[in-house]
Amino acid sequence: MIKNFRHKGLEQFFNTGNKSGIQSHHAMKLKVQLTAMHAAESPDDLRAPVSWRLHQLTGDLGGFWSLTVNGNWRVIFKFDDNDIELVDYLDYH
């Protein structure tokens, strides 16, 4: 279950469907990804589809996991036991 967000626009989109805080052309994919994340209990639950390119980050973002949204846009987050926290949405390259 998603416990909290770092990105307020993404949180608003997740809770209300309001696209004003995200790239509107990412809305459909973000909806699918956030729904899967909310149901996930471990990283293995997010390994499919492969196009999401789930991977664990290193360096300054060590401990975070990343899902590809589109191009350079990513959703990053941490697992806390069976929950997801600190969900962020960024152009990270």
N, C-alpha and C. Protein backbone atom coordinates (compact mmCIF):
# COMPACT_ATOMS: atom_id res chain seq x y z
N MET A 1 0.84 -1.17 0.00
CA MET A 1 0.00 0.00 0.00
C MET A 1 0.89 1.24 0.00
N ILE A 2 0.50 2.25 -0.75
CA ILE A 2 1.23 3.52 -0.74
C ILE A 2 0.89 4.26 0.55
N LYS A 3 1.93 4.57 1.33
CA LYS A 3 1.74 5.28 2.60
C LYS A 3 1.83 6.79 2.45
N ASN A 4 2.77 7.27 1.62
CA ASN A 4 2.91 8.72 1.48
C ASN A 4 3.66 9.08 0.20
N PHE A 5 3.60 10.35 -0.14
CA PHE A 5 4.18 10.88 -1.37
C PHE A 5 5.14 12.01 -1.04
N ARG A 6 6.16 12.18 -1.87
CA ARG A 6 7.02 13.36 -1.84
C ARG A 6 6.49 14.39 -2.84
N HIS A 7 5.92 13.93 -3.94
CA HIS A 7 5.45 14.79 -5.02
C HIS A 7 3.95 15.08 -4.81
N LYS A 8 3.64 16.32 -4.48
CA LYS A 8 2.25 16.68 -4.15
C LYS A 8 1.31 16.57 -5.35
N GLY A 9 1.81 16.89 -6.55
CA GLY A 9 0.97 16.76 -7.75
C GLY A 9 0.61 15.32 -8.03
N LEU A 10 1.56 14.41 -7.83
CA LEU A 10 1.30 12.99 -8.02
C LEU A 10 0.32 12.47 -6.96
N GLU A 11 0.49 12.95 -5.74
CA GLU A 11 -0.44 12.57 -4.67
C GLU A 11 -1.86 13.03 -5.00
N GLN A 12 -1.98 14.26 -5.49
CA GLN A 12 -3.30 14.79 -5.86
C GLN A 12 -3.90 13.95 -6.99
N PHE A 13 -3.08 13.60 -7.97
CA PHE A 13 -3.56 12.77 -9.07
C PHE A 13 -4.03 11.41 -8.55
N PHE A 14 -3.26 10.79 -7.68
CA PHE A 14 -3.61 9.48 -7.12
C PHE A 14 -4.93 9.55 -6.35
N ASN A 15 -5.10 10.60 -5.57
CA ASN A 15 -6.29 10.71 -4.71
C ASN A 15 -7.53 11.21 -5.43
N THR A 16 -7.36 12.09 -6.44
CA THR A 16 -8.53 12.74 -7.04
C THR A 16 -8.63 12.57 -8.55
N GLY A 17 -7.54 12.19 -9.21
CA GLY A 17 -7.54 12.12 -10.67
C GLY A 17 -7.20 13.45 -11.33
N ASN A 18 -6.96 14.49 -10.55
CA ASN A 18 -6.61 15.81 -11.08
C ASN A 18 -5.21 15.76 -11.68
N LYS A 19 -5.09 16.12 -12.96
CA LYS A 19 -3.83 16.02 -13.69
C LYS A 19 -2.99 17.29 -13.64
N SER A 20 -3.42 18.30 -12.92
CA SER A 20 -2.73 19.60 -12.97
C SER A 20 -1.29 19.56 -12.45
N GLY A 21 -0.93 18.59 -11.64
CA GLY A 21 0.42 18.52 -11.08
C GLY A 21 1.34 17.53 -11.75
N ILE A 22 0.88 16.93 -12.88
CA ILE A 22 1.69 15.95 -13.60
C ILE A 22 1.68 16.28 -15.09
N GLN A 23 2.52 15.61 -15.86
CA GLN A 23 2.45 15.71 -17.32
C GLN A 23 1.19 14.96 -17.75
N SER A 24 0.23 15.67 -18.37
CA SER A 24 -1.06 15.05 -18.67
C SER A 24 -0.94 13.83 -19.58
N HIS A 25 0.06 13.82 -20.47
CA HIS A 25 0.21 12.66 -21.35
C HIS A 25 0.76 11.43 -20.62
N HIS A 26 1.14 11.57 -19.36
CA HIS A 26 1.59 10.44 -18.54
C HIS A 26 0.45 9.86 -17.70
N ALA A 27 -0.69 10.48 -17.71
CA ALA A 27 -1.77 10.13 -16.78
C ALA A 27 -2.18 8.66 -16.85
N MET A 28 -2.38 8.13 -18.03
CA MET A 28 -2.84 6.74 -18.13
C MET A 28 -1.82 5.76 -17.56
N LYS A 29 -0.56 5.93 -17.93
CA LYS A 29 0.48 5.03 -17.43
C LYS A 29 0.66 5.20 -15.93
N LEU A 30 0.65 6.45 -15.45
CA LEU A 30 0.79 6.68 -14.01
C LEU A 30 -0.35 6.04 -13.23
N LYS A 31 -1.55 6.11 -13.77
CA LYS A 31 -2.69 5.49 -13.08
C LYS A 31 -2.47 3.99 -12.91
N VAL A 32 -2.02 3.33 -13.97
CA VAL A 32 -1.75 1.89 -13.92
C VAL A 32 -0.62 1.59 -12.94
N GLN A 33 0.46 2.36 -13.02
CA GLN A 33 1.60 2.13 -12.13
C GLN A 33 1.24 2.37 -10.67
N LEU A 34 0.54 3.46 -10.39
CA LEU A 34 0.17 3.76 -8.99
C LEU A 34 -0.79 2.71 -8.44
N THR A 35 -1.70 2.23 -9.27
CA THR A 35 -2.62 1.18 -8.83
C THR A 35 -1.84 -0.09 -8.48
N ALA A 36 -0.88 -0.46 -9.34
CA ALA A 36 -0.05 -1.64 -9.07
C ALA A 36 0.79 -1.44 -7.82
N MET A 37 1.35 -0.24 -7.66
CA MET A 37 2.16 0.05 -6.48
C MET A 37 1.32 -0.05 -5.20
N HIS A 38 0.09 0.45 -5.26
CA HIS A 38 -0.78 0.43 -4.08
C HIS A 38 -1.10 -1.00 -3.65
N ALA A 39 -1.13 -1.92 -4.62
CA ALA A 39 -1.42 -3.33 -4.32
C ALA A 39 -0.18 -4.14 -4.00
N ALA A 40 1.01 -3.61 -4.35
CA ALA A 40 2.26 -4.37 -4.21
C ALA A 40 2.66 -4.56 -2.76
N GLU A 41 3.25 -5.71 -2.49
CA GLU A 41 3.80 -6.00 -1.16
C GLU A 41 5.30 -6.21 -1.20
N SER A 42 5.87 -6.27 -2.40
CA SER A 42 7.32 -6.45 -2.56
C SER A 42 7.71 -5.97 -3.95
N PRO A 43 8.99 -5.74 -4.18
CA PRO A 43 9.43 -5.36 -5.53
C PRO A 43 9.04 -6.38 -6.59
N ASP A 44 9.01 -7.65 -6.26
CA ASP A 44 8.65 -8.68 -7.24
C ASP A 44 7.26 -8.46 -7.82
N ASP A 45 6.38 -7.83 -7.05
CA ASP A 45 5.02 -7.57 -7.54
C ASP A 45 5.00 -6.52 -8.65
N LEU A 46 6.11 -5.80 -8.85
CA LEU A 46 6.17 -4.73 -9.86
C LEU A 46 7.11 -5.07 -11.01
N ARG A 47 7.56 -6.28 -11.12
CA ARG A 47 8.52 -6.66 -12.17
C ARG A 47 7.89 -6.76 -13.55
N ALA A 48 6.59 -6.91 -13.65
CA ALA A 48 5.92 -6.95 -14.96
C ALA A 48 4.96 -5.77 -15.03
N PRO A 49 4.82 -5.11 -16.13
CA PRO A 49 5.48 -5.40 -17.39
C PRO A 49 6.95 -4.96 -17.40
N VAL A 50 7.71 -5.61 -18.25
CA VAL A 50 9.14 -5.34 -18.34
C VAL A 50 9.41 -3.89 -18.75
N SER A 51 8.52 -3.29 -19.51
CA SER A 51 8.72 -1.91 -19.99
C SER A 51 8.81 -0.90 -18.85
N TRP A 52 8.39 -1.28 -17.66
CA TRP A 52 8.51 -0.38 -16.51
C TRP A 52 9.94 -0.30 -16.02
N ARG A 53 10.76 -1.26 -16.39
CA ARG A 53 12.19 -1.30 -16.05
C ARG A 53 12.45 -1.07 -14.56
N LEU A 54 11.77 -1.81 -13.74
CA LEU A 54 11.97 -1.71 -12.29
C LEU A 54 13.43 -1.99 -11.94
N HIS A 55 14.02 -1.09 -11.18
CA HIS A 55 15.38 -1.33 -10.68
C HIS A 55 15.62 -0.50 -9.43
N GLN A 56 16.56 -0.98 -8.64
CA GLN A 56 16.93 -0.28 -7.42
C GLN A 56 18.01 0.75 -7.75
N LEU A 57 17.89 1.94 -7.15
CA LEU A 57 18.83 3.02 -7.41
C LEU A 57 20.01 2.96 -6.45
N THR A 58 21.09 3.64 -6.82
CA THR A 58 22.29 3.72 -5.99
C THR A 58 22.68 5.18 -5.83
N GLY A 59 23.77 5.42 -5.15
CA GLY A 59 24.26 6.79 -4.97
C GLY A 59 23.37 7.60 -4.05
N ASP A 60 23.12 8.85 -4.43
CA ASP A 60 22.30 9.74 -3.61
C ASP A 60 20.89 9.22 -3.41
N LEU A 61 20.40 8.42 -4.34
CA LEU A 61 19.05 7.86 -4.25
C LEU A 61 19.06 6.39 -3.84
N GLY A 62 20.15 5.97 -3.21
CA GLY A 62 20.24 4.60 -2.73
C GLY A 62 19.07 4.25 -1.83
N GLY A 63 18.54 3.05 -2.00
CA GLY A 63 17.38 2.61 -1.23
C GLY A 63 16.06 2.84 -1.95
N PHE A 64 16.08 3.69 -2.98
CA PHE A 64 14.87 3.93 -3.76
C PHE A 64 14.80 2.93 -4.90
N TRP A 65 13.59 2.66 -5.35
CA TRP A 65 13.31 1.87 -6.54
C TRP A 65 12.78 2.82 -7.60
N SER A 66 12.93 2.46 -8.86
CA SER A 66 12.51 3.31 -9.97
C SER A 66 11.66 2.53 -10.96
N LEU A 67 10.61 3.20 -11.45
CA LEU A 67 9.80 2.69 -12.56
C LEU A 67 9.84 3.74 -13.67
N THR A 68 10.03 3.31 -14.91
CA THR A 68 10.02 4.23 -16.05
C THR A 68 8.58 4.58 -16.41
N VAL A 69 8.34 5.88 -16.53
CA VAL A 69 7.03 6.35 -17.00
C VAL A 69 7.11 6.56 -18.51
N ASN A 70 8.02 7.46 -18.94
CA ASN A 70 8.18 7.77 -20.35
C ASN A 70 9.45 8.59 -20.52
N GLY A 71 10.26 8.26 -21.49
CA GLY A 71 11.49 9.02 -21.71
C GLY A 71 12.34 9.05 -20.46
N ASN A 72 12.66 10.24 -19.97
CA ASN A 72 13.45 10.39 -18.75
C ASN A 72 12.60 10.45 -17.49
N TRP A 73 11.30 10.40 -17.61
CA TRP A 73 10.42 10.52 -16.44
C TRP A 73 10.33 9.20 -15.69
N ARG A 74 10.46 9.29 -14.36
CA ARG A 74 10.43 8.13 -13.48
C ARG A 74 9.51 8.37 -12.28
N VAL A 75 9.00 7.28 -11.76
CA VAL A 75 8.39 7.27 -10.42
C VAL A 75 9.39 6.54 -9.55
N ILE A 76 9.81 7.19 -8.47
CA ILE A 76 10.73 6.53 -7.54
C ILE A 76 10.06 6.42 -6.19
N PHE A 77 10.49 5.43 -5.41
CA PHE A 77 9.83 5.14 -4.13
C PHE A 77 10.70 4.21 -3.31
N LYS A 78 10.35 4.09 -2.04
CA LYS A 78 11.02 3.14 -1.15
C LYS A 78 10.00 2.15 -0.63
N PHE A 79 10.47 0.94 -0.38
CA PHE A 79 9.65 -0.05 0.31
C PHE A 79 9.94 0.05 1.81
N ASP A 80 8.90 0.03 2.60
CA ASP A 80 8.98 -0.01 4.06
C ASP A 80 8.18 -1.25 4.48
N ASP A 81 8.89 -2.34 4.71
CA ASP A 81 8.25 -3.65 4.90
C ASP A 81 7.40 -3.95 3.67
N ASN A 82 6.09 -4.07 3.82
CA ASN A 82 5.22 -4.38 2.69
C ASN A 82 4.54 -3.15 2.11
N ASP A 83 4.93 -1.98 2.55
CA ASP A 83 4.31 -0.74 2.09
C ASP A 83 5.29 0.07 1.25
N ILE A 84 4.76 1.03 0.50
CA ILE A 84 5.56 1.93 -0.32
C ILE A 84 5.44 3.33 0.25
N GLU A 85 6.58 4.04 0.30
CA GLU A 85 6.58 5.39 0.84
C GLU A 85 7.47 6.30 -0.01
N LEU A 86 7.36 7.60 0.25
CA LEU A 86 8.19 8.63 -0.38
C LEU A 86 8.11 8.56 -1.91
N VAL A 87 6.90 8.41 -2.44
CA VAL A 87 6.71 8.29 -3.88
C VAL A 87 6.96 9.66 -4.52
N ASP A 88 7.84 9.67 -5.52
CA ASP A 88 8.19 10.91 -6.21
C ASP A 88 8.09 10.68 -7.71
N TYR A 89 7.94 11.78 -8.44
CA TYR A 89 7.76 11.77 -9.90
C TYR A 89 8.72 12.80 -10.45
N LEU A 90 9.70 12.36 -11.25
CA LEU A 90 10.72 13.31 -11.68
C LEU A 90 11.34 12.95 -13.02
N ASP A 91 11.90 13.98 -13.63
CA ASP A 91 12.69 13.84 -14.85
C ASP A 91 14.11 13.68 -14.35
N TYR A 92 14.61 12.44 -14.29
CA TYR A 92 15.76 12.18 -13.45
C TYR A 92 17.08 11.99 -14.16
N HIS A 93 17.15 12.25 -15.42
CA HIS A 93 18.44 12.17 -16.11
C HIS A 93 18.85 13.53 -16.60
